[in-house]
N, C-alpha and C. Protein backbone atom coordinates (compact mmCIF):
# COMPACT_ATOMS: atom_id res chain seq x y z
N UNK A 1 15.09 7.45 9.38
CA UNK A 1 14.14 8.04 8.70
C UNK A 1 14.57 9.78 7.96
N UNK A 2 13.82 10.00 7.13
CA UNK A 2 14.16 11.36 6.58
C UNK A 2 13.29 12.54 7.09
N UNK A 3 12.84 12.18 8.32
CA UNK A 3 12.05 13.26 9.06
C UNK A 3 10.38 13.17 8.78
N UNK A 4 10.05 12.23 8.00
CA UNK A 4 8.75 11.82 7.85
C UNK A 4 8.02 11.18 8.68
N UNK A 5 6.76 11.26 8.98
CA UNK A 5 6.49 10.48 10.03
C UNK A 5 6.05 9.20 9.20
N UNK A 6 6.41 8.06 9.75
CA UNK A 6 6.02 6.74 9.10
C UNK A 6 4.79 6.09 9.58
N UNK A 7 4.17 6.91 10.61
CA UNK A 7 2.83 6.57 10.98
C UNK A 7 1.82 6.89 9.53
N UNK A 8 2.05 8.10 9.39
CA UNK A 8 1.42 8.82 8.29
C UNK A 8 1.65 8.16 6.90
N UNK A 9 2.78 7.98 6.63
CA UNK A 9 3.50 7.42 5.13
C UNK A 9 4.28 6.58 5.08
N UNK A 10 3.94 5.28 5.60
CA UNK A 10 5.14 4.05 5.81
C UNK A 10 5.41 3.63 4.48
N UNK A 11 6.81 4.22 4.15
CA UNK A 11 7.41 3.34 2.95
C UNK A 11 6.93 4.29 1.46
N UNK A 12 7.60 3.67 0.41
CA UNK A 12 7.13 4.16 -1.11
C UNK A 12 6.04 3.95 -1.56
N UNK A 13 5.24 4.75 -2.11
CA UNK A 13 4.01 4.51 -2.84
C UNK A 13 4.12 3.83 -4.23
N UNK A 14 3.58 2.50 -4.13
CA UNK A 14 3.62 1.67 -5.27
C UNK A 14 2.26 1.59 -6.21
N UNK A 15 1.37 1.62 -5.32
CA UNK A 15 -0.03 1.54 -6.09
C UNK A 15 -0.91 2.30 -5.19
N UNK A 16 -1.98 2.77 -6.18
CA UNK A 16 -3.07 3.63 -5.70
C UNK A 16 -4.29 3.75 -6.30
N UNK A 17 -5.28 3.13 -5.55
CA UNK A 17 -6.81 2.94 -6.15
C UNK A 17 -7.82 3.57 -5.72
N UNK A 18 -8.78 3.97 -6.43
CA UNK A 18 -10.23 4.84 -5.99
C UNK A 18 -11.37 3.82 -6.37
N UNK A 19 -12.31 4.00 -5.54
CA UNK A 19 -13.57 3.94 -5.93
C UNK A 19 -14.43 4.21 -4.77
N UNK A 20 -15.47 5.03 -5.29
CA UNK A 20 -16.74 5.62 -4.57
C UNK A 20 -16.12 6.62 -3.64
N UNK A 21 -15.26 7.47 -3.80
CA UNK A 21 -14.65 8.26 -2.69
C UNK A 21 -13.65 7.78 -1.77
N UNK A 22 -13.28 6.34 -2.14
CA UNK A 22 -12.31 5.90 -0.85
C UNK A 22 -11.14 5.44 -1.69
N UNK A 23 -9.93 5.84 -1.13
CA UNK A 23 -8.60 5.64 -1.75
C UNK A 23 -7.83 4.74 -0.95
N UNK A 24 -7.27 3.75 -1.73
CA UNK A 24 -6.44 2.71 -1.27
C UNK A 24 -4.98 3.16 -1.66
N UNK A 25 -3.96 3.16 -0.74
CA UNK A 25 -2.41 3.43 -1.34
C UNK A 25 -1.74 2.30 -0.72
N UNK A 26 -0.88 1.71 -1.66
CA UNK A 26 -0.28 0.72 -1.13
C UNK A 26 1.37 1.03 -0.95
N UNK A 27 1.98 0.72 -0.09
CA UNK A 27 3.34 1.43 0.00
C UNK A 27 4.24 0.15 0.43
N UNK A 28 5.42 0.35 -0.04
CA UNK A 28 6.69 -0.84 0.41
C UNK A 28 7.57 -0.14 1.19
N UNK A 29 7.84 -0.74 2.27
CA UNK A 29 8.98 0.01 3.43
C UNK A 29 10.13 -1.18 3.57
N UNK A 30 11.04 -0.49 3.12
CA UNK A 30 12.35 -1.63 3.14
C UNK A 30 12.72 -1.62 4.70
N UNK A 31 12.80 -3.08 5.22
CA UNK A 31 13.20 -3.40 6.50
C UNK A 31 14.45 -4.43 6.15
N UNK A 32 15.06 -4.67 7.49
CA UNK A 32 16.47 -5.36 7.42
C UNK A 32 16.22 -6.73 6.89
N UNK A 33 15.04 -7.46 6.97
CA UNK A 33 14.63 -8.91 6.61
C UNK A 33 14.06 -8.70 5.11
N UNK A 34 13.86 -7.78 4.49
CA UNK A 34 13.43 -7.43 3.30
C UNK A 34 12.44 -6.42 2.82
N UNK A 35 11.12 -6.58 2.91
CA UNK A 35 10.29 -5.47 2.66
C UNK A 35 8.87 -5.48 3.42
N UNK A 36 8.13 -4.47 3.65
CA UNK A 36 6.85 -4.66 4.33
C UNK A 36 5.74 -3.91 3.18
N UNK A 37 4.68 -4.51 3.27
CA UNK A 37 3.78 -3.81 2.19
C UNK A 37 2.62 -3.16 3.32
N UNK A 38 2.39 -2.14 3.02
CA UNK A 38 1.56 -1.13 4.10
C UNK A 38 0.52 -0.76 3.00
N UNK A 39 -1.01 -0.64 3.51
CA UNK A 39 -2.18 -0.20 2.88
C UNK A 39 -2.81 0.81 3.84
N UNK A 40 -2.76 2.23 2.87
CA UNK A 40 -3.47 3.02 3.96
C UNK A 40 -4.70 3.38 3.14
N UNK A 41 -6.05 3.32 4.01
CA UNK A 41 -7.32 3.76 3.24
C UNK A 41 -7.42 5.19 3.84
N UNK A 42 -8.03 5.77 2.73
CA UNK A 42 -8.53 7.09 3.12
C UNK A 42 -9.88 7.40 2.65
N UNK A 43 -10.58 8.06 3.33
CA UNK A 43 -11.74 8.22 3.21
C UNK A 43 -12.20 9.78 3.50
N UNK A 44 -13.18 10.49 2.75
CA UNK A 44 -13.66 11.85 2.99
C UNK A 44 -14.04 11.84 4.68
N UNK A 45 -13.73 12.89 5.53
CA UNK A 45 -14.20 13.00 6.82
C UNK A 45 -13.56 12.02 7.96
N UNK A 46 -12.81 10.99 7.19
CA UNK A 46 -11.96 10.19 8.17
C UNK A 46 -10.68 10.20 8.22
N UNK A 47 -10.18 9.74 9.58
CA UNK A 47 -8.50 9.89 9.41
C UNK A 47 -8.17 8.59 8.63
N UNK A 48 -7.02 8.89 7.61
CA UNK A 48 -6.48 7.88 7.10
C UNK A 48 -5.90 6.57 7.92
N UNK A 49 -6.14 5.36 7.62
CA UNK A 49 -6.01 4.04 8.27
C UNK A 49 -4.86 3.51 7.66
N UNK A 50 -3.65 3.23 8.26
CA UNK A 50 -2.68 2.27 7.73
C UNK A 50 -2.50 1.16 8.51
N UNK A 51 -2.24 -0.38 7.83
CA UNK A 51 -2.20 -1.38 8.31
C UNK A 51 -1.06 -2.05 7.40
N UNK A 52 -0.34 -3.02 8.11
CA UNK A 52 0.71 -3.63 7.50
C UNK A 52 -0.17 -5.22 6.81
N UNK A 53 0.09 -4.93 5.51
CA UNK A 53 -0.47 -6.03 4.85
C UNK A 53 0.34 -7.51 4.79
N UNK A 54 1.62 -7.35 4.83
CA UNK A 54 2.43 -8.30 4.65
C UNK A 54 3.86 -8.19 4.95
N UNK A 55 4.46 -9.31 4.72
CA UNK A 55 6.15 -9.00 4.88
C UNK A 55 6.47 -9.86 3.51
N UNK A 56 7.69 -9.30 2.78
CA UNK A 56 8.35 -9.89 1.64
C UNK A 56 9.77 -10.33 2.10
N UNK A 57 10.37 -11.28 1.44
CA UNK A 57 12.02 -11.37 1.63
C UNK A 57 12.89 -10.93 0.23
N UNK A 58 12.09 -10.62 -0.67
CA UNK A 58 12.59 -10.25 -1.93
C UNK A 58 11.92 -9.29 -2.51
N UNK A 59 12.37 -8.45 -3.60
CA UNK A 59 11.35 -7.74 -4.43
C UNK A 59 10.79 -8.44 -5.46
N UNK A 60 11.44 -9.81 -5.92
CA UNK A 60 10.60 -10.47 -6.85
C UNK A 60 9.06 -11.01 -6.35
N UNK A 61 9.05 -11.32 -4.75
CA UNK A 61 8.17 -11.75 -4.28
C UNK A 61 6.98 -10.76 -4.08
N UNK A 62 7.36 -9.48 -3.88
CA UNK A 62 6.95 -8.17 -3.61
C UNK A 62 6.16 -7.82 -5.16
N UNK A 63 6.96 -7.87 -5.78
CA UNK A 63 6.14 -7.17 -7.31
C UNK A 63 5.09 -8.02 -7.84
N UNK A 64 5.32 -9.51 -7.65
CA UNK A 64 4.31 -10.59 -8.05
C UNK A 64 3.07 -10.25 -7.37
N UNK A 65 3.23 -10.17 -5.76
CA UNK A 65 2.02 -9.65 -5.01
C UNK A 65 1.29 -8.68 -5.46
N UNK A 66 1.99 -7.67 -5.62
CA UNK A 66 1.36 -6.33 -5.84
C UNK A 66 0.90 -6.54 -7.06
N UNK A 67 1.33 -7.06 -8.32
CA UNK A 67 0.36 -7.14 -9.75
C UNK A 67 -0.75 -7.83 -9.20
N UNK A 68 -1.05 -8.91 -8.33
CA UNK A 68 -1.94 -9.83 -8.25
C UNK A 68 -2.90 -8.64 -7.44
N UNK A 69 -2.40 -8.10 -6.34
CA UNK A 69 -3.57 -6.94 -5.74
C UNK A 69 -4.23 -6.02 -6.70
N UNK A 70 -3.22 -5.56 -7.47
CA UNK A 70 -3.64 -4.44 -8.82
C UNK A 70 -4.62 -5.08 -9.63
N UNK A 71 -4.44 -6.43 -9.89
CA UNK A 71 -5.63 -7.14 -10.79
C UNK A 71 -6.87 -7.27 -10.05
N UNK A 72 -6.67 -7.79 -8.73
CA UNK A 72 -7.90 -8.06 -7.93
C UNK A 72 -8.68 -6.68 -7.74
N UNK A 73 -7.82 -5.66 -7.39
CA UNK A 73 -8.67 -4.18 -7.36
C UNK A 73 -9.58 -4.03 -8.60
N UNK A 74 -9.03 -3.89 -9.69
CA UNK A 74 -9.40 -3.57 -10.96
C UNK A 74 -10.76 -4.35 -11.27
N UNK A 75 -10.68 -5.48 -11.03
CA UNK A 75 -11.52 -6.74 -11.15
C UNK A 75 -13.02 -6.29 -10.27
N UNK A 76 -12.80 -5.84 -9.38
CA UNK A 76 -13.68 -5.21 -8.42
C UNK A 76 -14.21 -3.99 -8.51
N UNK A 77 -13.61 -3.01 -9.60
CA UNK A 77 -14.28 -1.75 -10.00
C UNK A 77 -13.38 -0.83 -9.22
N UNK A 78 -12.01 -1.08 -8.79
CA UNK A 78 -11.46 0.09 -8.48
C UNK A 78 -10.54 0.63 -9.66
N UNK A 79 -10.37 2.09 -9.58
CA UNK A 79 -9.54 2.41 -10.63
C UNK A 79 -8.24 3.05 -10.15
N UNK A 80 -7.17 2.58 -10.96
CA UNK A 80 -5.99 2.97 -10.68
C UNK A 80 -5.49 4.40 -11.06
């Protein structure tokens, strides 16, 4: 690592959406088998929560999945 806390910020931010004061941050983290997608949820007055959403074997798979997530969030009223 680069001295960053992986707990607070796993990976490289690829998508951020907000709705009604809640922020969802999606990050990709490189691992030996490919990549992990982590979602961090931030709400006022609460500790940020990070969960691993899924694993990818390659960047093409990851980018297709992220595009789907982005479209779904925007359709649900989230703002990028």
